[in-house]
Amino acid sequence: MQASFLLVGVLPVLLVAAAIFDLTSFTIPNILPGAMLVLFLIFLSGMALSGHPVSWNEISGHLIAGGVGLIAGMILFAFGWIGGGDAKLFAMTCLWLGWDSMLAYAVTASIAGGVLTLALLWLRGLGLPVFLQRRWVLRLLDPKGAIPYGVALAGAALLILPSTEIFRLATAH
């Protein structure tokens, strides 16, 4: 399996899965950020085995981004501003995107989260047609309900990913 397939094929599927889980259940199963971590390590190995090793400087930027993302996520979780799954998803996404793309990702995710929050607040004020009255939709539109920030985190990652250095390196082969 080519390393680029993990980046272009599998990572986006994991991000979409996280968004769907968060949207429908307000949870992001630990298996998703865990899989992102394992796949990142497999990706690095695959790059090396294919004759295109990633330099330690590049790897360290990804590790630092993942660590900073984890600390930031833990702080936001401690204040009750995001869920634990969101914190882990943010950290693992930062790991994949790297230090050079972390700020763009954080800003894009923040804007997407704000738009999502405003949209849900607006929708929560509207009546819900009978055909949409599913348990997960009712929970999503509960005026006292949480915001599934995993949707914004995943969407921002998918938007930023093609402009990252790791994407350029992986798809240049």
N, C-alpha and C. Protein backbone atom coordinates (compact mmCIF):
# COMPACT_ATOMS: atom_id res chain seq x y z
N MET A 1 0.84 -1.18 0.00
CA MET A 1 0.00 0.00 0.00
C MET A 1 0.89 1.24 0.00
N GLN A 2 0.59 2.17 -0.86
CA GLN A 2 1.37 3.40 -0.91
C GLN A 2 1.03 4.30 0.27
N ALA A 3 2.04 4.99 0.77
CA ALA A 3 1.84 5.89 1.90
C ALA A 3 0.86 7.00 1.55
N SER A 4 0.89 7.45 0.31
CA SER A 4 0.00 8.55 -0.07
C SER A 4 -1.47 8.15 0.05
N PHE A 5 -1.78 6.85 -0.12
CA PHE A 5 -3.16 6.39 0.02
C PHE A 5 -3.68 6.65 1.43
N LEU A 6 -2.82 6.48 2.45
CA LEU A 6 -3.24 6.74 3.82
C LEU A 6 -3.62 8.20 4.01
N LEU A 7 -2.86 9.08 3.38
CA LEU A 7 -3.09 10.51 3.51
C LEU A 7 -4.29 10.98 2.69
N VAL A 8 -4.39 10.50 1.48
CA VAL A 8 -5.41 10.98 0.55
C VAL A 8 -6.70 10.18 0.66
N GLY A 9 -6.60 8.90 1.05
CA GLY A 9 -7.76 8.03 1.08
C GLY A 9 -8.29 7.74 2.47
N VAL A 10 -7.42 7.27 3.35
CA VAL A 10 -7.87 6.80 4.66
C VAL A 10 -8.10 7.95 5.64
N LEU A 11 -7.17 8.90 5.72
CA LEU A 11 -7.32 10.01 6.65
C LEU A 11 -8.63 10.77 6.42
N PRO A 12 -8.97 11.14 5.20
CA PRO A 12 -10.26 11.82 5.00
C PRO A 12 -11.47 10.98 5.43
N VAL A 13 -11.41 9.68 5.24
CA VAL A 13 -12.51 8.80 5.68
C VAL A 13 -12.64 8.84 7.20
N LEU A 14 -11.51 8.81 7.90
CA LEU A 14 -11.54 8.89 9.36
C LEU A 14 -12.08 10.24 9.84
N LEU A 15 -11.71 11.31 9.15
CA LEU A 15 -12.22 12.63 9.51
C LEU A 15 -13.73 12.73 9.28
N VAL A 16 -14.20 12.22 8.16
CA VAL A 16 -15.64 12.24 7.88
C VAL A 16 -16.38 11.37 8.90
N ALA A 17 -15.81 10.22 9.24
CA ALA A 17 -16.44 9.35 10.24
C ALA A 17 -16.55 10.07 11.59
N ALA A 18 -15.49 10.78 11.97
CA ALA A 18 -15.52 11.54 13.23
C ALA A 18 -16.62 12.59 13.20
N ALA A 19 -16.75 13.29 12.07
CA ALA A 19 -17.79 14.31 11.95
C ALA A 19 -19.18 13.68 12.04
N ILE A 20 -19.38 12.57 11.38
CA ILE A 20 -20.70 11.91 11.41
C ILE A 20 -21.02 11.41 12.82
N PHE A 21 -20.06 10.77 13.47
CA PHE A 21 -20.30 10.32 14.84
C PHE A 21 -20.65 11.49 15.75
N ASP A 22 -19.88 12.58 15.64
CA ASP A 22 -20.12 13.74 16.51
C ASP A 22 -21.48 14.37 16.22
N LEU A 23 -21.82 14.47 14.96
CA LEU A 23 -23.10 15.06 14.56
C LEU A 23 -24.27 14.24 15.07
N THR A 24 -24.15 12.93 15.01
CA THR A 24 -25.29 12.08 15.35
C THR A 24 -25.32 11.61 16.79
N SER A 25 -24.18 11.69 17.50
CA SER A 25 -24.16 11.16 18.87
C SER A 25 -23.44 12.05 19.88
N PHE A 26 -22.84 13.15 19.40
CA PHE A 26 -22.03 14.03 20.25
C PHE A 26 -20.87 13.30 20.89
N THR A 27 -20.38 12.27 20.22
CA THR A 27 -19.19 11.56 20.67
C THR A 27 -18.31 11.25 19.46
N ILE A 28 -17.03 11.19 19.73
CA ILE A 28 -16.06 10.74 18.72
C ILE A 28 -15.36 9.54 19.34
N PRO A 29 -15.63 8.35 18.82
CA PRO A 29 -15.03 7.16 19.41
C PRO A 29 -13.50 7.24 19.44
N ASN A 30 -12.91 6.79 20.51
CA ASN A 30 -11.45 6.83 20.67
C ASN A 30 -10.72 6.10 19.55
N ILE A 31 -11.38 5.14 18.93
CA ILE A 31 -10.74 4.38 17.87
C ILE A 31 -10.36 5.29 16.70
N LEU A 32 -11.09 6.36 16.47
CA LEU A 32 -10.79 7.23 15.32
C LEU A 32 -9.50 8.03 15.52
N PRO A 33 -9.34 8.81 16.61
CA PRO A 33 -8.04 9.47 16.79
C PRO A 33 -6.92 8.46 17.00
N GLY A 34 -7.23 7.33 17.63
CA GLY A 34 -6.21 6.28 17.80
C GLY A 34 -5.74 5.75 16.46
N ALA A 35 -6.69 5.52 15.56
CA ALA A 35 -6.33 5.05 14.20
C ALA A 35 -5.53 6.12 13.47
N MET A 36 -5.87 7.39 13.69
CA MET A 36 -5.11 8.46 13.03
C MET A 36 -3.65 8.44 13.49
N LEU A 37 -3.41 8.18 14.76
CA LEU A 37 -2.04 8.11 15.28
C LEU A 37 -1.29 6.93 14.66
N VAL A 38 -1.91 5.76 14.69
CA VAL A 38 -1.26 4.56 14.14
C VAL A 38 -1.00 4.74 12.65
N LEU A 39 -1.97 5.27 11.93
CA LEU A 39 -1.80 5.46 10.49
C LEU A 39 -0.72 6.48 10.17
N PHE A 40 -0.54 7.48 11.04
CA PHE A 40 0.53 8.44 10.82
C PHE A 40 1.89 7.74 10.91
N LEU A 41 2.04 6.87 11.89
CA LEU A 41 3.29 6.12 12.03
C LEU A 41 3.51 5.19 10.84
N ILE A 42 2.45 4.55 10.38
CA ILE A 42 2.54 3.68 9.20
C ILE A 42 2.87 4.52 7.97
N PHE A 43 2.27 5.70 7.90
CA PHE A 43 2.54 6.61 6.78
C PHE A 43 4.03 6.96 6.72
N LEU A 44 4.61 7.32 7.86
CA LEU A 44 6.04 7.66 7.90
C LEU A 44 6.89 6.47 7.46
N SER A 45 6.54 5.29 7.94
CA SER A 45 7.26 4.08 7.54
C SER A 45 7.12 3.84 6.05
N GLY A 46 5.91 4.03 5.54
CA GLY A 46 5.67 3.83 4.11
C GLY A 46 6.45 4.81 3.25
N MET A 47 6.56 6.04 3.71
CA MET A 47 7.34 7.03 2.97
C MET A 47 8.81 6.59 2.93
N ALA A 48 9.33 6.12 4.06
CA ALA A 48 10.72 5.69 4.12
C ALA A 48 10.94 4.46 3.23
N LEU A 49 10.03 3.51 3.28
CA LEU A 49 10.17 2.29 2.49
C LEU A 49 10.05 2.54 0.99
N SER A 50 9.32 3.58 0.64
CA SER A 50 9.16 3.89 -0.78
C SER A 50 10.32 4.74 -1.32
N GLY A 51 11.32 4.98 -0.48
CA GLY A 51 12.49 5.74 -0.92
C GLY A 51 12.33 7.24 -0.80
N HIS A 52 11.30 7.68 -0.11
CA HIS A 52 11.06 9.11 0.09
C HIS A 52 10.93 9.40 1.58
N PRO A 53 12.01 9.17 2.33
CA PRO A 53 11.92 9.38 3.77
C PRO A 53 11.66 10.84 4.11
N VAL A 54 10.91 11.03 5.16
CA VAL A 54 10.64 12.37 5.68
C VAL A 54 11.76 12.69 6.66
N SER A 55 12.32 13.88 6.58
CA SER A 55 13.45 14.24 7.44
C SER A 55 13.00 14.39 8.90
N TRP A 56 13.97 14.27 9.79
CA TRP A 56 13.68 14.44 11.21
C TRP A 56 13.10 15.83 11.47
N ASN A 57 13.58 16.83 10.76
CA ASN A 57 13.06 18.19 10.92
C ASN A 57 11.57 18.23 10.60
N GLU A 58 11.17 17.56 9.53
CA GLU A 58 9.76 17.52 9.15
C GLU A 58 8.95 16.72 10.17
N ILE A 59 9.48 15.58 10.60
CA ILE A 59 8.78 14.74 11.58
C ILE A 59 8.60 15.50 12.89
N SER A 60 9.66 16.19 13.33
CA SER A 60 9.57 16.91 14.61
C SER A 60 8.50 18.00 14.55
N GLY A 61 8.33 18.63 13.40
CA GLY A 61 7.27 19.64 13.26
C GLY A 61 5.89 19.04 13.44
N HIS A 62 5.73 17.81 12.97
CA HIS A 62 4.44 17.12 13.14
C HIS A 62 4.24 16.70 14.59
N LEU A 63 5.30 16.19 15.21
CA LEU A 63 5.20 15.77 16.61
C LEU A 63 4.92 16.96 17.53
N ILE A 64 5.60 18.07 17.28
CA ILE A 64 5.36 19.28 18.09
C ILE A 64 3.93 19.76 17.90
N ALA A 65 3.45 19.77 16.66
CA ALA A 65 2.08 20.20 16.39
C ALA A 65 1.08 19.30 17.12
N GLY A 66 1.31 17.99 17.09
CA GLY A 66 0.43 17.07 17.80
C GLY A 66 0.45 17.31 19.30
N GLY A 67 1.64 17.55 19.86
CA GLY A 67 1.76 17.82 21.29
C GLY A 67 1.10 19.13 21.69
N VAL A 68 1.35 20.17 20.92
CA VAL A 68 0.72 21.47 21.21
C VAL A 68 -0.79 21.36 21.04
N GLY A 69 -1.23 20.64 20.01
CA GLY A 69 -2.66 20.43 19.80
C GLY A 69 -3.30 19.68 20.96
N LEU A 70 -2.59 18.70 21.50
CA LEU A 70 -3.11 17.94 22.64
C LEU A 70 -3.22 18.83 23.88
N ILE A 71 -2.19 19.62 24.13
CA ILE A 71 -2.22 20.53 25.28
C ILE A 71 -3.34 21.56 25.12
N ALA A 72 -3.45 22.16 23.94
CA ALA A 72 -4.52 23.13 23.70
C ALA A 72 -5.89 22.47 23.85
N GLY A 73 -6.04 21.28 23.31
CA GLY A 73 -7.30 20.57 23.42
C GLY A 73 -7.65 20.24 24.87
N MET A 74 -6.65 19.84 25.64
CA MET A 74 -6.88 19.53 27.05
C MET A 74 -7.31 20.77 27.83
N ILE A 75 -6.71 21.90 27.50
CA ILE A 75 -7.09 23.16 28.17
C ILE A 75 -8.53 23.51 27.82
N LEU A 76 -8.88 23.44 26.53
CA LEU A 76 -10.24 23.75 26.12
C LEU A 76 -11.24 22.78 26.74
N PHE A 77 -10.86 21.51 26.85
CA PHE A 77 -11.71 20.52 27.49
C PHE A 77 -11.87 20.82 28.97
N ALA A 78 -10.78 21.20 29.64
CA ALA A 78 -10.83 21.50 31.07
C ALA A 78 -11.79 22.66 31.36
N PHE A 79 -11.88 23.62 30.46
CA PHE A 79 -12.80 24.75 30.62
C PHE A 79 -14.23 24.39 30.19
N GLY A 80 -14.40 23.19 29.64
CA GLY A 80 -15.73 22.76 29.21
C GLY A 80 -16.17 23.34 27.88
N TRP A 81 -15.22 23.86 27.12
CA TRP A 81 -15.55 24.50 25.84
C TRP A 81 -15.65 23.49 24.70
N ILE A 82 -14.97 22.35 24.82
CA ILE A 82 -15.07 21.29 23.83
C ILE A 82 -15.11 19.95 24.57
N GLY A 83 -15.48 18.90 23.86
CA GLY A 83 -15.50 17.57 24.45
C GLY A 83 -14.14 16.90 24.37
N GLY A 84 -14.00 15.79 25.07
CA GLY A 84 -12.75 15.05 25.06
C GLY A 84 -12.42 14.49 23.68
N GLY A 85 -13.44 14.03 22.97
CA GLY A 85 -13.21 13.53 21.61
C GLY A 85 -12.73 14.63 20.68
N ASP A 86 -13.28 15.83 20.86
CA ASP A 86 -12.84 16.97 20.05
C ASP A 86 -11.36 17.27 20.31
N ALA A 87 -10.97 17.22 21.59
CA ALA A 87 -9.57 17.50 21.96
C ALA A 87 -8.63 16.49 21.31
N LYS A 88 -9.01 15.22 21.35
CA LYS A 88 -8.16 14.17 20.75
C LYS A 88 -8.14 14.29 19.23
N LEU A 89 -9.29 14.59 18.64
CA LEU A 89 -9.34 14.76 17.18
C LEU A 89 -8.49 15.95 16.75
N PHE A 90 -8.56 17.04 17.49
CA PHE A 90 -7.75 18.21 17.18
C PHE A 90 -6.26 17.87 17.24
N ALA A 91 -5.85 17.17 18.29
CA ALA A 91 -4.43 16.82 18.45
C ALA A 91 -3.95 15.92 17.31
N MET A 92 -4.72 14.91 16.98
CA MET A 92 -4.28 13.98 15.93
C MET A 92 -4.32 14.63 14.55
N THR A 93 -5.24 15.55 14.35
CA THR A 93 -5.26 16.28 13.08
C THR A 93 -4.05 17.20 12.99
N CYS A 94 -3.71 17.86 14.10
CA CYS A 94 -2.50 18.70 14.11
C CYS A 94 -1.27 17.85 13.83
N LEU A 95 -1.22 16.64 14.38
CA LEU A 95 -0.11 15.74 14.11
C LEU A 95 0.04 15.51 12.61
N TRP A 96 -1.06 15.22 11.94
CA TRP A 96 -1.01 14.97 10.49
C TRP A 96 -0.67 16.23 9.70
N LEU A 97 -1.26 17.36 10.07
CA LEU A 97 -1.08 18.58 9.28
C LEU A 97 0.28 19.22 9.51
N GLY A 98 0.83 19.07 10.70
CA GLY A 98 2.15 19.61 11.00
C GLY A 98 2.14 21.05 11.49
N TRP A 99 3.29 21.43 12.01
CA TRP A 99 3.46 22.75 12.61
C TRP A 99 3.16 23.87 11.62
N ASP A 100 3.64 23.73 10.39
CA ASP A 100 3.48 24.79 9.39
C ASP A 100 2.02 25.06 9.05
N SER A 101 1.16 24.10 9.23
CA SER A 101 -0.26 24.26 8.88
C SER A 101 -1.17 24.37 10.11
N MET A 102 -0.59 24.27 11.28
CA MET A 102 -1.40 24.23 12.50
C MET A 102 -2.19 25.52 12.73
N LEU A 103 -1.57 26.66 12.53
CA LEU A 103 -2.28 27.92 12.76
C LEU A 103 -3.43 28.09 11.77
N ALA A 104 -3.17 27.80 10.51
CA ALA A 104 -4.24 27.89 9.50
C ALA A 104 -5.37 26.94 9.85
N TYR A 105 -5.03 25.76 10.32
CA TYR A 105 -6.05 24.78 10.71
C TYR A 105 -6.85 25.29 11.91
N ALA A 106 -6.17 25.79 12.94
CA ALA A 106 -6.85 26.26 14.14
C ALA A 106 -7.78 27.43 13.82
N VAL A 107 -7.32 28.34 12.98
CA VAL A 107 -8.16 29.50 12.61
C VAL A 107 -9.36 29.03 11.78
N THR A 108 -9.11 28.17 10.81
CA THR A 108 -10.19 27.67 9.96
C THR A 108 -11.20 26.88 10.79
N ALA A 109 -10.72 26.04 11.71
CA ALA A 109 -11.61 25.27 12.58
C ALA A 109 -12.41 26.20 13.50
N SER A 110 -11.79 27.26 13.97
CA SER A 110 -12.49 28.21 14.83
C SER A 110 -13.60 28.92 14.07
N ILE A 111 -13.30 29.35 12.87
CA ILE A 111 -14.32 30.01 12.04
C ILE A 111 -15.44 29.03 11.72
N ALA A 112 -15.07 27.81 11.33
CA ALA A 112 -16.09 26.79 11.01
C ALA A 112 -16.93 26.47 12.24
N GLY A 113 -16.30 26.41 13.41
CA GLY A 113 -17.03 26.15 14.65
C GLY A 113 -18.00 27.28 14.97
N GLY A 114 -17.58 28.52 14.72
CA GLY A 114 -18.47 29.66 14.93
C GLY A 114 -19.66 29.64 13.99
N VAL A 115 -19.40 29.35 12.73
CA VAL A 115 -20.48 29.26 11.75
C VAL A 115 -21.44 28.13 12.13
N LEU A 116 -20.88 26.99 12.51
CA LEU A 116 -21.71 25.85 12.93
C LEU A 116 -22.56 26.21 14.13
N THR A 117 -21.98 26.88 15.10
CA THR A 117 -22.72 27.29 16.30
C THR A 117 -23.86 28.23 15.94
N LEU A 118 -23.56 29.24 15.13
CA LEU A 118 -24.61 30.19 14.73
C LEU A 118 -25.72 29.49 13.94
N ALA A 119 -25.33 28.59 13.05
CA ALA A 119 -26.34 27.86 12.25
C ALA A 119 -27.22 27.00 13.16
N LEU A 120 -26.61 26.31 14.12
CA LEU A 120 -27.42 25.49 15.02
C LEU A 120 -28.32 26.33 15.92
N LEU A 121 -27.80 27.46 16.39
CA LEU A 121 -28.64 28.35 17.20
C LEU A 121 -29.85 28.84 16.39
N TRP A 122 -29.62 29.16 15.13
CA TRP A 122 -30.71 29.60 14.26
C TRP A 122 -31.70 28.45 14.03
N LEU A 123 -31.17 27.28 13.69
CA LEU A 123 -32.04 26.12 13.42
C LEU A 123 -32.82 25.70 14.67
N ARG A 124 -32.22 25.87 15.82
CA ARG A 124 -32.88 25.50 17.07
C ARG A 124 -34.09 26.38 17.36
N GLY A 125 -34.13 27.55 16.73
CA GLY A 125 -35.27 28.43 16.91
C GLY A 125 -36.41 28.15 15.95
N LEU A 126 -36.19 27.31 14.98
CA LEU A 126 -37.21 26.98 13.99
C LEU A 126 -37.97 25.74 14.41
N GLY A 127 -39.15 25.58 13.84
CA GLY A 127 -39.89 24.34 14.04
C GLY A 127 -39.30 23.24 13.18
N LEU A 128 -39.43 22.02 13.63
CA LEU A 128 -38.85 20.89 12.92
C LEU A 128 -39.96 20.09 12.24
N PRO A 129 -39.89 19.94 10.91
CA PRO A 129 -40.90 19.12 10.22
C PRO A 129 -40.91 17.68 10.77
N VAL A 130 -42.05 17.06 10.74
CA VAL A 130 -42.22 15.72 11.29
C VAL A 130 -41.25 14.72 10.67
N PHE A 131 -41.03 14.81 9.34
CA PHE A 131 -40.17 13.83 8.68
C PHE A 131 -38.71 13.92 9.13
N LEU A 132 -38.32 15.01 9.77
CA LEU A 132 -36.95 15.16 10.26
C LEU A 132 -36.81 14.79 11.74
N GLN A 133 -37.89 14.43 12.36
CA GLN A 133 -37.86 14.19 13.80
C GLN A 133 -37.29 12.81 14.11
N ARG A 134 -36.00 12.72 13.99
CA ARG A 134 -35.24 11.54 14.38
C ARG A 134 -34.57 11.87 15.71
N ARG A 135 -34.26 10.84 16.47
CA ARG A 135 -33.68 11.07 17.80
C ARG A 135 -32.43 11.94 17.73
N TRP A 136 -31.51 11.65 16.80
CA TRP A 136 -30.26 12.41 16.74
C TRP A 136 -30.50 13.84 16.29
N VAL A 137 -31.50 14.06 15.41
CA VAL A 137 -31.81 15.43 14.96
C VAL A 137 -32.43 16.22 16.11
N LEU A 138 -33.32 15.59 16.85
CA LEU A 138 -33.93 16.26 18.00
C LEU A 138 -32.88 16.63 19.04
N ARG A 139 -31.93 15.72 19.26
CA ARG A 139 -30.85 16.00 20.23
C ARG A 139 -29.97 17.14 19.70
N LEU A 140 -29.68 17.13 18.41
CA LEU A 140 -28.85 18.17 17.80
C LEU A 140 -29.53 19.54 17.90
N LEU A 141 -30.84 19.55 17.75
CA LEU A 141 -31.57 20.82 17.75
C LEU A 141 -32.16 21.19 19.11
N ASP A 142 -31.81 20.45 20.14
CA ASP A 142 -32.23 20.78 21.50
C ASP A 142 -31.62 22.13 21.88
N PRO A 143 -32.46 23.10 22.27
CA PRO A 143 -31.92 24.43 22.61
C PRO A 143 -30.84 24.41 23.69
N LYS A 144 -30.83 23.40 24.54
CA LYS A 144 -29.82 23.30 25.59
C LYS A 144 -28.71 22.32 25.19
N GLY A 145 -28.74 21.86 23.95
CA GLY A 145 -27.79 20.86 23.49
C GLY A 145 -26.40 21.42 23.24
N ALA A 146 -25.47 20.50 23.14
CA ALA A 146 -24.07 20.85 22.87
C ALA A 146 -23.88 21.14 21.38
N ILE A 147 -22.69 21.56 21.04
CA ILE A 147 -22.32 21.81 19.65
C ILE A 147 -21.32 20.72 19.24
N PRO A 148 -21.60 20.02 18.13
CA PRO A 148 -20.67 18.97 17.69
C PRO A 148 -19.47 19.56 16.94
N TYR A 149 -18.50 20.07 17.71
CA TYR A 149 -17.35 20.74 17.10
C TYR A 149 -16.49 19.82 16.25
N GLY A 150 -16.64 18.51 16.43
CA GLY A 150 -15.92 17.57 15.58
C GLY A 150 -16.24 17.78 14.11
N VAL A 151 -17.44 18.25 13.82
CA VAL A 151 -17.83 18.54 12.44
C VAL A 151 -16.97 19.67 11.90
N ALA A 152 -16.79 20.71 12.67
CA ALA A 152 -15.97 21.85 12.25
C ALA A 152 -14.49 21.45 12.17
N LEU A 153 -14.03 20.66 13.12
CA LEU A 153 -12.63 20.22 13.11
C LEU A 153 -12.32 19.37 11.88
N ALA A 154 -13.22 18.45 11.58
CA ALA A 154 -13.02 17.58 10.42
C ALA A 154 -13.11 18.37 9.12
N GLY A 155 -14.10 19.24 9.03
CA GLY A 155 -14.26 20.05 7.81
C GLY A 155 -13.06 20.94 7.57
N ALA A 156 -12.57 21.57 8.62
CA ALA A 156 -11.39 22.43 8.48
C ALA A 156 -10.17 21.62 8.05
N ALA A 157 -10.02 20.43 8.61
CA ALA A 157 -8.88 19.58 8.23
C ALA A 157 -8.94 19.22 6.76
N LEU A 158 -10.12 18.85 6.29
CA LEU A 158 -10.27 18.48 4.88
C LEU A 158 -10.00 19.68 3.97
N LEU A 159 -10.32 20.85 4.44
CA LEU A 159 -10.08 22.07 3.66
C LEU A 159 -8.59 22.41 3.61
N ILE A 160 -7.89 22.26 4.72
CA ILE A 160 -6.48 22.63 4.84
C ILE A 160 -5.55 21.56 4.25
N LEU A 161 -5.92 20.30 4.37
CA LEU A 161 -5.04 19.19 4.01
C LEU A 161 -4.36 19.33 2.64
N PRO A 162 -5.07 19.67 1.56
CA PRO A 162 -4.40 19.73 0.26
C PRO A 162 -3.30 20.80 0.15
N SER A 163 -3.31 21.77 1.06
CA SER A 163 -2.30 22.82 0.99
C SER A 163 -1.11 22.58 1.92
N THR A 164 -1.07 21.41 2.57
CA THR A 164 0.00 21.14 3.53
C THR A 164 1.25 20.59 2.84
N GLU A 165 2.35 20.73 3.53
CA GLU A 165 3.62 20.22 3.03
C GLU A 165 3.61 18.69 2.94
N ILE A 166 3.01 18.04 3.92
CA ILE A 166 2.97 16.58 3.92
C ILE A 166 2.16 16.06 2.72
N PHE A 167 1.12 16.78 2.37
CA PHE A 167 0.31 16.39 1.21
C PHE A 167 1.13 16.54 -0.05
N ARG A 168 1.87 17.64 -0.16
CA ARG A 168 2.71 17.86 -1.32
C ARG A 168 3.77 16.77 -1.44
N LEU A 169 4.41 16.43 -0.32
CA LEU A 169 5.44 15.39 -0.34
C LEU A 169 4.86 14.03 -0.72
N ALA A 170 3.71 13.71 -0.15
CA ALA A 170 3.13 12.38 -0.37
C ALA A 170 2.57 12.21 -1.78
N THR A 171 2.07 13.26 -2.35
CA THR A 171 1.44 13.14 -3.67
C THR A 171 2.40 13.47 -4.81
N ALA A 172 3.61 13.87 -4.48
CA ALA A 172 4.60 14.22 -5.51
C ALA A 172 5.25 12.95 -6.09
N HIS A 173 5.01 11.82 -5.50
CA HIS A 173 5.66 10.58 -5.92
C HIS A 173 4.80 9.83 -6.90
